[in-house]
């Protein structure tokens, strides 16, 4: 079925996210959900033959989950967010610490798109935590800045717990940061 979806859509799996974005932008949520489902099918078909490394597969799942949430399928988006987290937790060492937060920022964007605090808050803490695991200051600063930008651009205020985490990460940074 995914192979038919590739022919029907007429684009590569990477480009497929543009179609749900366009449909959702036009207010056609049903078509956005259909296209997001097809894109997920394409992703799964490709991954069944050539598994993605976690740091590349998780952001794709996050992007698709975000489009699912934006098209009104909140429960489907939450399931995909849980799938992304489960892939990481199956073997967290499969993603180098310098790539962990970057892989999960699209998943955080998806969580924010659901509007569900019980999904957003733990994932926000998780992204902050994994971004602070690198022993080098510069990657920690970069991850913190990028995660804060993601949160800000999504129009979300950090929870009190996330603010405490942000303060702790900032306090742990040494000069020149």
C-alpha atoms as a PDB file:
ATOM      1  CA  UNK A   1       0.000   0.000   0.000  1.00  0.00           C
ATOM      2  CA  UNK A   2       2.819   2.416   0.803  1.00  0.00           C
ATOM      3  CA  UNK A   3       4.305   1.821  -2.625  1.00  0.00           C
ATOM      4  CA  UNK A   4       0.945   2.803  -4.160  1.00  0.00           C
ATOM      5  CA  UNK A   5       1.014   5.879  -1.934  1.00  0.00           C
ATOM      6  CA  UNK A   6       4.353   6.871  -3.413  1.00  0.00           C
ATOM      7  CA  UNK A   7       2.961   6.634  -6.934  1.00  0.00           C
ATOM      8  CA  UNK A   8      -0.297   8.383  -5.972  1.00  0.00           C
ATOM      9  CA  UNK A   9       1.511  11.241  -4.289  1.00  0.00           C
ATOM     10  CA  UNK A  10       4.216  11.393  -6.932  1.00  0.00           C
ATOM     11  CA  UNK A  11       7.003  12.600  -4.655  1.00  0.00           C
ATOM     12  CA  UNK A  12       9.686  11.144  -2.480  1.00  0.00           C
ATOM     13  CA  UNK A  13       9.127  10.367   1.189  1.00  0.00           C
ATOM     14  CA  UNK A  14      11.131  13.417   2.229  1.00  0.00           C
ATOM     15  CA  UNK A  15       8.955  15.756   0.169  1.00  0.00           C
ATOM     16  CA  UNK A  16       5.732  14.128   1.335  1.00  0.00           C
ATOM     17  CA  UNK A  17       5.467  16.320   4.454  1.00  0.00           C
ATOM     18  CA  UNK A  18       4.931  19.334   2.192  1.00  0.00           C
ATOM     19  CA  UNK A  19       1.613  17.938   0.993  1.00  0.00           C
ATOM     20  CA  UNK A  20      -0.029  17.581   4.427  1.00  0.00           C
ATOM     21  CA  UNK A  21       1.259  21.055   5.338  1.00  0.00           C
ATOM     22  CA  UNK A  22      -0.390  22.467   2.228  1.00  0.00           C
ATOM     23  CA  UNK A  23      -3.688  20.663   2.871  1.00  0.00           C
ATOM     24  CA  UNK A  24      -3.751  21.729   6.524  1.00  0.00           C
ATOM     25  CA  UNK A  25      -2.890  25.291   5.521  1.00  0.00           C
ATOM     26  CA  UNK A  26      -5.909  25.311   3.203  1.00  0.00           C
ATOM     27  CA  UNK A  27      -8.117  24.120   6.067  1.00  0.00           C
ATOM     28  CA  UNK A  28      -8.573  20.652   4.554  1.00  0.00           C
ATOM     29  CA  UNK A  29      -7.810  18.663   7.692  1.00  0.00           C
ATOM     30  CA  UNK A  30      -9.288  15.413   6.355  1.00  0.00           C
ATOM     31  CA  UNK A  31      -6.965  15.494   3.355  1.00  0.00           C
ATOM     32  CA  UNK A  32      -4.095  16.478   5.660  1.00  0.00           C
ATOM     33  CA  UNK A  33      -4.763  13.378   7.785  1.00  0.00           C
ATOM     34  CA  UNK A  34      -4.931  11.183   4.679  1.00  0.00           C
ATOM     35  CA  UNK A  35      -1.641  12.530   3.340  1.00  0.00           C
ATOM     36  CA  UNK A  36       0.023  12.274   6.744  1.00  0.00           C
ATOM     37  CA  UNK A  37      -1.074   8.642   6.948  1.00  0.00           C
ATOM     38  CA  UNK A  38       0.346   7.976   3.508  1.00  0.00           C
ATOM     39  CA  UNK A  39       3.594   9.688   4.441  1.00  0.00           C
ATOM     40  CA  UNK A  40       3.843   7.489   7.540  1.00  0.00           C
ATOM     41  CA  UNK A  41       3.216   4.443   5.350  1.00  0.00           C
ATOM     42  CA  UNK A  42       6.011   5.508   3.027  1.00  0.00           C
ATOM     43  CA  UNK A  43       8.339   6.025   5.985  1.00  0.00           C
ATOM     44  CA  UNK A  44       7.510   2.580   7.374  1.00  0.00           C
ATOM     45  CA  UNK A  45       7.919   0.908   3.974  1.00  0.00           C
ATOM     46  CA  UNK A  46      11.346   2.451   3.483  1.00  0.00           C
ATOM     47  CA  UNK A  47      12.379   1.747   7.058  1.00  0.00           C
ATOM     48  CA  UNK A  48      11.326  -1.910   6.778  1.00  0.00           C
ATOM     49  CA  UNK A  49      13.944  -2.331   4.034  1.00  0.00           C
ATOM     50  CA  UNK A  50      16.555   0.132   5.282  1.00  0.00           C
ATOM     51  CA  UNK A  51      16.120   1.022   8.977  1.00  0.00           C
ATOM     52  CA  UNK A  52      16.840   4.624   9.823  1.00  0.00           C
ATOM     53  CA  UNK A  53      19.330   5.352  12.590  1.00  0.00           C
ATOM     54  CA  UNK A  54      17.356   6.620  15.581  1.00  0.00           C
ATOM     55  CA  UNK A  55      18.689  10.178  15.250  1.00  0.00           C
ATOM     56  CA  UNK A  56      17.217  10.372  11.729  1.00  0.00           C
ATOM     57  CA  UNK A  57      14.032   8.335  12.179  1.00  0.00           C
ATOM     58  CA  UNK A  58      12.833  10.042  15.367  1.00  0.00           C
ATOM     59  CA  UNK A  59      12.684  13.547  13.808  1.00  0.00           C
ATOM     60  CA  UNK A  60      10.680  12.188  10.857  1.00  0.00           C
ATOM     61  CA  UNK A  61       8.221  10.577  13.259  1.00  0.00           C
ATOM     62  CA  UNK A  62       8.047  13.877  15.143  1.00  0.00           C
ATOM     63  CA  UNK A  63       7.330  15.829  11.982  1.00  0.00           C
ATOM     64  CA  UNK A  64       4.582  13.400  10.971  1.00  0.00           C
ATOM     65  CA  UNK A  65       3.119  13.472  14.478  1.00  0.00           C
ATOM     66  CA  UNK A  66       2.999  17.257  14.326  1.00  0.00           C
ATOM     67  CA  UNK A  67       1.116  17.165  11.016  1.00  0.00           C
ATOM     68  CA  UNK A  68      -1.261  14.574  12.479  1.00  0.00           C
ATOM     69  CA  UNK A  69      -1.973  16.874  15.452  1.00  0.00           C
ATOM     70  CA  UNK A  70      -2.422  19.900  13.200  1.00  0.00           C
ATOM     71  CA  UNK A  71      -4.931  17.954  11.124  1.00  0.00           C
ATOM     72  CA  UNK A  72      -6.996  17.200  14.211  1.00  0.00           C
ATOM     73  CA  UNK A  73      -5.903  13.638  15.003  1.00  0.00           C
ATOM     74  CA  UNK A  74      -4.555  14.317  18.487  1.00  0.00           C
ATOM     75  CA  UNK A  75      -4.724  10.697  19.642  1.00  0.00           C
ATOM     76  CA  UNK A  76      -2.823   9.541  16.546  1.00  0.00           C
ATOM     77  CA  UNK A  77      -0.198  12.222  17.160  1.00  0.00           C
ATOM     78  CA  UNK A  78       0.205  11.156  20.780  1.00  0.00           C
ATOM     79  CA  UNK A  79       0.671   7.535  19.660  1.00  0.00           C
ATOM     80  CA  UNK A  80       3.429   8.611  17.261  1.00  0.00           C
ATOM     81  CA  UNK A  81       5.077  10.717  19.973  1.00  0.00           C
ATOM     82  CA  UNK A  82       5.076   7.644  22.210  1.00  0.00           C
ATOM     83  CA  UNK A  83       6.549   5.606  19.334  1.00  0.00           C
ATOM     84  CA  UNK A  84       9.408   8.100  18.955  1.00  0.00           C
ATOM     85  CA  UNK A  85      10.157   7.994  22.666  1.00  0.00           C
ATOM     86  CA  UNK A  86      10.009   4.169  22.728  1.00  0.00           C
ATOM     87  CA  UNK A  87      12.528   3.966  19.871  1.00  0.00           C
ATOM     88  CA  UNK A  88      14.963   6.025  21.891  1.00  0.00           C
ATOM     89  CA  UNK A  89      14.341   4.223  25.154  1.00  0.00           C
ATOM     90  CA  UNK A  90      14.906   0.825  23.500  1.00  0.00           C
ATOM     91  CA  UNK A  91      18.604   1.734  23.349  1.00  0.00           C
ATOM     92  CA  UNK A  92      19.443   5.324  24.326  1.00  0.00           C
ATOM     93  CA  UNK A  93      23.123   4.819  23.464  1.00  0.00           C
ATOM     94  CA  UNK A  94      22.216   4.534  19.782  1.00  0.00           C
ATOM     95  CA  UNK A  95      22.082   8.333  19.594  1.00  0.00           C
ATOM     96  CA  UNK A  96      25.259  10.206  20.480  1.00  0.00           C
ATOM     97  CA  UNK A  97      24.621  12.731  23.243  1.00  0.00           C
ATOM     98  CA  UNK A  98      25.338  15.635  20.913  1.00  0.00           C
ATOM     99  CA  UNK A  99      22.390  14.612  18.663  1.00  0.00           C
ATOM    100  CA  UNK A 100      19.762  13.611  21.243  1.00  0.00           C
ATOM    101  CA  UNK A 101      18.004  16.928  21.808  1.00  0.00           C
ATOM    102  CA  UNK A 102      18.073  17.743  18.091  1.00  0.00           C
ATOM    103  CA  UNK A 103      16.396  14.455  17.296  1.00  0.00           C
ATOM    104  CA  UNK A 104      13.622  15.142  19.800  1.00  0.00           C
ATOM    105  CA  UNK A 105      12.892  18.807  19.127  1.00  0.00           C
ATOM    106  CA  UNK A 106      10.515  17.905  16.242  1.00  0.00           C
ATOM    107  CA  UNK A 107       8.800  15.480  18.635  1.00  0.00           C
ATOM    108  CA  UNK A 108       8.482  18.304  21.165  1.00  0.00           C
ATOM    109  CA  UNK A 109       6.918  20.470  18.448  1.00  0.00           C
ATOM    110  CA  UNK A 110       4.427  17.661  17.836  1.00  0.00           C
ATOM    111  CA  UNK A 111       3.675  17.427  21.550  1.00  0.00           C
ATOM    112  CA  UNK A 112       3.055  21.173  21.702  1.00  0.00           C
ATOM    113  CA  UNK A 113       0.738  20.877  18.674  1.00  0.00           C
ATOM    114  CA  UNK A 114      -1.408  18.390  20.629  1.00  0.00           C
ATOM    115  CA  UNK A 115      -2.113  21.035  23.252  1.00  0.00           C
ATOM    116  CA  UNK A 116      -2.045  18.367  25.959  1.00  0.00           C
ATOM    117  CA  UNK A 117      -0.011  19.386  28.989  1.00  0.00           C
ATOM    118  CA  UNK A 118       0.371  15.754  30.070  1.00  0.00           C
ATOM    119  CA  UNK A 119       2.199  15.101  26.784  1.00  0.00           C
ATOM    120  CA  UNK A 120       4.055  18.413  26.494  1.00  0.00           C
ATOM    121  CA  UNK A 121       5.506  18.858  29.975  1.00  0.00           C
ATOM    122  CA  UNK A 122       7.305  15.491  30.348  1.00  0.00           C
ATOM    123  CA  UNK A 123       8.685  15.716  26.804  1.00  0.00           C
ATOM    124  CA  UNK A 124       9.897  19.271  27.380  1.00  0.00           C
ATOM    125  CA  UNK A 125      11.767  18.092  30.484  1.00  0.00           C
ATOM    126  CA  UNK A 126      13.147  15.128  28.541  1.00  0.00           C
ATOM    127  CA  UNK A 127      14.484  17.309  25.699  1.00  0.00           C
ATOM    128  CA  UNK A 128      16.072  19.706  28.173  1.00  0.00           C
ATOM    129  CA  UNK A 129      17.633  16.782  30.046  1.00  0.00           C
ATOM    130  CA  UNK A 130      19.078  14.989  27.011  1.00  0.00           C
ATOM    131  CA  UNK A 131      20.414  18.296  25.678  1.00  0.00           C
ATOM    132  CA  UNK A 132      22.354  18.821  28.869  1.00  0.00           C
ATOM    133  CA  UNK A 133      24.141  15.458  28.921  1.00  0.00           C
ATOM    134  CA  UNK A 134      27.058  16.425  26.704  1.00  0.00           C
ATOM    135  CA  UNK A 135      30.121  17.053  28.877  1.00  0.00           C
ATOM    136  CA  UNK A 136      31.184  19.967  26.656  1.00  0.00           C
ATOM    137  CA  UNK A 137      29.769  23.423  27.346  1.00  0.00           C
ATOM    138  CA  UNK A 138      29.286  24.613  23.789  1.00  0.00           C
ATOM    139  CA  UNK A 139      26.915  21.783  22.703  1.00  0.00           C
ATOM    140  CA  UNK A 140      24.958  22.225  25.956  1.00  0.00           C
ATOM    141  CA  UNK A 141      24.541  25.948  25.264  1.00  0.00           C
ATOM    142  CA  UNK A 142      23.540  25.264  21.666  1.00  0.00           C
ATOM    143  CA  UNK A 143      21.001  22.618  22.660  1.00  0.00           C
ATOM    144  CA  UNK A 144      19.541  24.815  25.373  1.00  0.00           C
ATOM    145  CA  UNK A 145      19.230  27.788  22.993  1.00  0.00           C
ATOM    146  CA  UNK A 146      17.676  25.677  20.240  1.00  0.00           C
ATOM    147  CA  UNK A 147      15.232  24.016  22.620  1.00  0.00           C
ATOM    148  CA  UNK A 148      14.204  27.376  24.090  1.00  0.00           C
ATOM    149  CA  UNK A 149      13.722  28.727  20.557  1.00  0.00           C
ATOM    150  CA  UNK A 150      11.539  25.717  19.700  1.00  0.00           C
ATOM    151  CA  UNK A 151       9.419  26.296  22.789  1.00  0.00           C
ATOM    152  CA  UNK A 152       9.178  30.031  22.158  1.00  0.00           C
ATOM    153  CA  UNK A 153       8.370  29.763  18.451  1.00  0.00           C
ATOM    154  CA  UNK A 154       5.597  27.305  19.287  1.00  0.00           C
ATOM    155  CA  UNK A 155       4.110  29.918  21.606  1.00  0.00           C
ATOM    156  CA  UNK A 156       4.483  27.780  24.677  1.00  0.00           C
ATOM    157  CA  UNK A 157       5.701  28.899  28.074  1.00  0.00           C
ATOM    158  CA  UNK A 158       7.886  26.419  29.951  1.00  0.00           C
ATOM    159  CA  UNK A 159       6.244  24.751  32.936  1.00  0.00           C
ATOM    160  CA  UNK A 160       7.618  25.585  36.405  1.00  0.00           C
ATOM    161  CA  UNK A 161       9.477  22.252  36.340  1.00  0.00           C
ATOM    162  CA  UNK A 162      10.970  23.088  32.942  1.00  0.00           C
ATOM    163  CA  UNK A 163      11.997  26.537  34.209  1.00  0.00           C
ATOM    164  CA  UNK A 164      13.761  24.883  37.148  1.00  0.00           C
ATOM    165  CA  UNK A 165      15.557  22.585  34.686  1.00  0.00           C
ATOM    166  CA  UNK A 166      16.525  25.534  32.484  1.00  0.00           C
ATOM    167  CA  UNK A 167      17.870  27.405  35.506  1.00  0.00           C
ATOM    168  CA  UNK A 168      19.841  24.332  36.607  1.00  0.00           C
ATOM    169  CA  UNK A 169      21.348  23.823  33.158  1.00  0.00           C
ATOM    170  CA  UNK A 170      22.272  27.495  32.940  1.00  0.00           C
ATOM    171  CA  UNK A 171      23.832  27.435  36.415  1.00  0.00           C
ATOM    172  CA  UNK A 172      25.974  24.454  35.360  1.00  0.00           C
ATOM    173  CA  UNK A 173      27.523  26.298  32.445  1.00  0.00           C
ATOM    174  CA  UNK A 174      31.022  27.606  33.049  1.00  0.00           C
ATOM    175  CA  UNK A 175      32.713  30.625  31.552  1.00  0.00           C
ATOM    176  CA  UNK A 176      32.697  31.786  28.760  1.00  0.00           C
ATOM    177  CA  UNK A 177      29.019  30.743  28.564  1.00  0.00           C
END
